[in-house]
């Protein structure tokens, strides 16, 4: 295009000048591996030594037993008076949600099922 503007003519290209020849010397080097190799040794060590006994030098075993007994008595008293389990709490929380869902969906559900049953029975005759 510039040659046309200058008024000069470009020399014709020899045949095969547009061919780009790839050689082995032009090949890209192989990519380096992106993974690490590991050795087969484990970094977790198990020991068969027993755990050292806990040092309870501040209070005696009788005191520990007495305190444990007092807390167990308290726990049984609270559970006995307020015997609500997790299941009871879940039922209590779900009851209003279930009632609301049934109020919203049960009439349409029953109507659809009854209509389908009536249609099935009427075709059976």
C-alpha atoms as a PDB file:
ATOM      1  CA  UNK A   1       0.000   0.000   0.000  1.00  0.00           C
ATOM      2  CA  UNK A   2       2.860   2.374   0.821  1.00  0.00           C
ATOM      3  CA  UNK A   3       4.480   1.389  -2.441  1.00  0.00           C
ATOM      4  CA  UNK A   4       1.414   2.588  -4.294  1.00  0.00           C
ATOM      5  CA  UNK A   5       1.568   5.924  -2.483  1.00  0.00           C
ATOM      6  CA  UNK A   6       5.247   6.371  -3.317  1.00  0.00           C
ATOM      7  CA  UNK A   7       4.625   5.507  -6.902  1.00  0.00           C
ATOM      8  CA  UNK A   8       7.209   2.745  -6.857  1.00  0.00           C
ATOM      9  CA  UNK A   9       6.466  -0.874  -7.375  1.00  0.00           C
ATOM     10  CA  UNK A  10       7.497  -3.560  -4.912  1.00  0.00           C
ATOM     11  CA  UNK A  11       9.605  -6.429  -6.157  1.00  0.00           C
ATOM     12  CA  UNK A  12       7.709  -9.696  -6.501  1.00  0.00           C
ATOM     13  CA  UNK A  13       8.357 -12.265  -3.762  1.00  0.00           C
ATOM     14  CA  UNK A  14      10.119 -15.448  -4.715  1.00  0.00           C
ATOM     15  CA  UNK A  15       8.001 -18.610  -4.388  1.00  0.00           C
ATOM     16  CA  UNK A  16       8.234 -20.204  -0.967  1.00  0.00           C
ATOM     17  CA  UNK A  17       9.157 -16.958   0.804  1.00  0.00           C
ATOM     18  CA  UNK A  18       5.981 -17.150   2.911  1.00  0.00           C
ATOM     19  CA  UNK A  19       6.844 -20.610   4.281  1.00  0.00           C
ATOM     20  CA  UNK A  20       8.134 -20.679   7.837  1.00  0.00           C
ATOM     21  CA  UNK A  21      10.273 -23.738   8.489  1.00  0.00           C
ATOM     22  CA  UNK A  22      10.516 -25.078  12.064  1.00  0.00           C
ATOM     23  CA  UNK A  23      13.678 -26.874  13.027  1.00  0.00           C
ATOM     24  CA  UNK A  24      14.793 -28.773  16.136  1.00  0.00           C
ATOM     25  CA  UNK A  25      16.952 -25.807  17.141  1.00  0.00           C
ATOM     26  CA  UNK A  26      13.825 -23.633  17.313  1.00  0.00           C
ATOM     27  CA  UNK A  27      11.857 -26.036  19.560  1.00  0.00           C
ATOM     28  CA  UNK A  28      10.976 -24.812  23.040  1.00  0.00           C
ATOM     29  CA  UNK A  29      12.763 -26.510  25.932  1.00  0.00           C
ATOM     30  CA  UNK A  30      10.800 -29.166  27.830  1.00  0.00           C
ATOM     31  CA  UNK A  31       8.985 -27.742  30.872  1.00  0.00           C
ATOM     32  CA  UNK A  32      10.449 -28.542  34.261  1.00  0.00           C
ATOM     33  CA  UNK A  33       8.344 -30.928  36.393  1.00  0.00           C
ATOM     34  CA  UNK A  34       6.051 -29.064  38.781  1.00  0.00           C
ATOM     35  CA  UNK A  35       5.726 -31.813  41.373  1.00  0.00           C
ATOM     36  CA  UNK A  36       7.941 -32.722  44.302  1.00  0.00           C
ATOM     37  CA  UNK A  37       9.081 -36.198  45.058  1.00  0.00           C
ATOM     38  CA  UNK A  38       8.802 -37.362  48.630  1.00  0.00           C
ATOM     39  CA  UNK A  39      10.615 -39.979  50.581  1.00  0.00           C
ATOM     40  CA  UNK A  40       8.647 -42.870  52.014  1.00  0.00           C
ATOM     41  CA  UNK A  41       9.389 -42.154  55.641  1.00  0.00           C
ATOM     42  CA  UNK A  42       6.586 -41.092  57.943  1.00  0.00           C
ATOM     43  CA  UNK A  43       6.917 -38.035  60.126  1.00  0.00           C
ATOM     44  CA  UNK A  44       4.441 -39.472  62.669  1.00  0.00           C
ATOM     45  CA  UNK A  45       6.009 -41.507  65.437  1.00  0.00           C
ATOM     46  CA  UNK A  46       3.988 -43.795  67.708  1.00  0.00           C
ATOM     47  CA  UNK A  47       5.194 -44.682  71.145  1.00  0.00           C
ATOM     48  CA  UNK A  48       4.114 -47.553  73.373  1.00  0.00           C
ATOM     49  CA  UNK A  49       5.124 -45.753  76.534  1.00  0.00           C
ATOM     50  CA  UNK A  50       2.251 -45.225  78.992  1.00  0.00           C
ATOM     51  CA  UNK A  51       1.208 -41.673  79.731  1.00  0.00           C
ATOM     52  CA  UNK A  52       2.659 -40.315  82.950  1.00  0.00           C
ATOM     53  CA  UNK A  53       0.213 -40.245  85.863  1.00  0.00           C
ATOM     54  CA  UNK A  54      -1.472 -36.921  86.493  1.00  0.00           C
ATOM     55  CA  UNK A  55      -0.140 -35.002  89.454  1.00  0.00           C
ATOM     56  CA  UNK A  56      -3.072 -34.322  91.767  1.00  0.00           C
ATOM     57  CA  UNK A  57      -0.998 -33.104  94.620  1.00  0.00           C
ATOM     58  CA  UNK A  58      -3.284 -30.179  95.506  1.00  0.00           C
ATOM     59  CA  UNK A  59      -6.354 -32.228  96.483  1.00  0.00           C
ATOM     60  CA  UNK A  60      -6.770 -35.769  97.710  1.00  0.00           C
ATOM     61  CA  UNK A  61      -8.720 -38.514  95.963  1.00  0.00           C
ATOM     62  CA  UNK A  62     -11.377 -38.337  98.735  1.00  0.00           C
ATOM     63  CA  UNK A  63     -11.944 -34.651  97.998  1.00  0.00           C
ATOM     64  CA  UNK A  64     -12.219 -35.371  94.268  1.00  0.00           C
ATOM     65  CA  UNK A  65     -14.796 -38.101  94.966  1.00  0.00           C
ATOM     66  CA  UNK A  66     -16.820 -35.821  97.278  1.00  0.00           C
ATOM     67  CA  UNK A  67     -16.886 -32.964  94.761  1.00  0.00           C
ATOM     68  CA  UNK A  68     -17.827 -35.347  91.938  1.00  0.00           C
ATOM     69  CA  UNK A  69     -20.633 -36.810  94.002  1.00  0.00           C
ATOM     70  CA  UNK A  70     -22.000 -33.339  94.828  1.00  0.00           C
ATOM     71  CA  UNK A  71     -22.022 -32.324  91.163  1.00  0.00           C
ATOM     72  CA  UNK A  72     -23.683 -35.611  90.151  1.00  0.00           C
ATOM     73  CA  UNK A  73     -26.402 -35.039  92.748  1.00  0.00           C
ATOM     74  CA  UNK A  74     -26.962 -31.534  91.378  1.00  0.00           C
ATOM     75  CA  UNK A  75     -27.116 -32.821  87.798  1.00  0.00           C
ATOM     76  CA  UNK A  76     -29.653 -35.543  88.658  1.00  0.00           C
ATOM     77  CA  UNK A  77     -31.797 -33.027  90.550  1.00  0.00           C
ATOM     78  CA  UNK A  78     -31.887 -30.605  87.625  1.00  0.00           C
ATOM     79  CA  UNK A  79     -32.549 -33.360  85.075  1.00  0.00           C
ATOM     80  CA  UNK A  80     -35.279 -34.879  87.252  1.00  0.00           C
ATOM     81  CA  UNK A  81     -37.149 -31.574  87.609  1.00  0.00           C
ATOM     82  CA  UNK A  82     -36.651 -30.455  84.032  1.00  0.00           C
ATOM     83  CA  UNK A  83     -36.663 -33.725  82.113  1.00  0.00           C
ATOM     84  CA  UNK A  84     -36.623 -32.136  78.668  1.00  0.00           C
ATOM     85  CA  UNK A  85     -34.494 -33.912  76.147  1.00  0.00           C
ATOM     86  CA  UNK A  86     -33.154 -32.531  72.920  1.00  0.00           C
ATOM     87  CA  UNK A  87     -35.908 -34.406  71.120  1.00  0.00           C
ATOM     88  CA  UNK A  88     -38.523 -32.595  73.220  1.00  0.00           C
ATOM     89  CA  UNK A  89     -36.966 -29.221  72.412  1.00  0.00           C
ATOM     90  CA  UNK A  90     -36.875 -29.995  68.679  1.00  0.00           C
ATOM     91  CA  UNK A  91     -40.514 -31.112  68.716  1.00  0.00           C
ATOM     92  CA  UNK A  92     -41.513 -27.930  70.502  1.00  0.00           C
ATOM     93  CA  UNK A  93     -39.672 -25.761  67.967  1.00  0.00           C
ATOM     94  CA  UNK A  94     -40.931 -27.651  64.893  1.00  0.00           C
ATOM     95  CA  UNK A  95     -44.587 -27.761  65.910  1.00  0.00           C
ATOM     96  CA  UNK A  96     -45.442 -24.149  64.861  1.00  0.00           C
ATOM     97  CA  UNK A  97     -43.460 -24.508  61.620  1.00  0.00           C
ATOM     98  CA  UNK A  98     -45.227 -27.756  60.739  1.00  0.00           C
ATOM     99  CA  UNK A  99     -48.638 -26.258  61.567  1.00  0.00           C
ATOM    100  CA  UNK A 100     -47.961 -23.284  59.305  1.00  0.00           C
ATOM    101  CA  UNK A 101     -46.792 -25.516  56.442  1.00  0.00           C
ATOM    102  CA  UNK A 102     -49.822 -27.783  56.777  1.00  0.00           C
ATOM    103  CA  UNK A 103     -52.194 -24.796  56.859  1.00  0.00           C
ATOM    104  CA  UNK A 104     -50.635 -23.457  53.663  1.00  0.00           C
ATOM    105  CA  UNK A 105     -50.211 -26.686  51.685  1.00  0.00           C
ATOM    106  CA  UNK A 106     -52.545 -29.434  52.932  1.00  0.00           C
ATOM    107  CA  UNK A 107     -55.829 -28.237  51.342  1.00  0.00           C
ATOM    108  CA  UNK A 108     -54.333 -28.004  47.848  1.00  0.00           C
ATOM    109  CA  UNK A 109     -52.473 -31.284  48.273  1.00  0.00           C
ATOM    110  CA  UNK A 110     -55.581 -33.181  49.381  1.00  0.00           C
ATOM    111  CA  UNK A 111     -57.697 -31.607  46.620  1.00  0.00           C
ATOM    112  CA  UNK A 112     -55.181 -32.629  43.953  1.00  0.00           C
ATOM    113  CA  UNK A 113     -54.930 -36.206  45.249  1.00  0.00           C
ATOM    114  CA  UNK A 114     -58.727 -36.579  45.545  1.00  0.00           C
ATOM    115  CA  UNK A 115     -59.196 -35.246  41.990  1.00  0.00           C
ATOM    116  CA  UNK A 116     -56.616 -37.725  40.670  1.00  0.00           C
ATOM    117  CA  UNK A 117     -58.289 -40.606  42.525  1.00  0.00           C
ATOM    118  CA  UNK A 118     -61.745 -39.654  41.226  1.00  0.00           C
ATOM    119  CA  UNK A 119     -60.341 -39.536  37.682  1.00  0.00           C
ATOM    120  CA  UNK A 120     -58.678 -42.938  38.131  1.00  0.00           C
ATOM    121  CA  UNK A 121     -61.871 -44.541  39.464  1.00  0.00           C
ATOM    122  CA  UNK A 122     -64.048 -43.014  36.738  1.00  0.00           C
ATOM    123  CA  UNK A 123     -61.767 -44.352  33.980  1.00  0.00           C
ATOM    124  CA  UNK A 124     -61.762 -47.811  35.518  1.00  0.00           C
ATOM    125  CA  UNK A 125     -65.485 -48.346  34.830  1.00  0.00           C
END
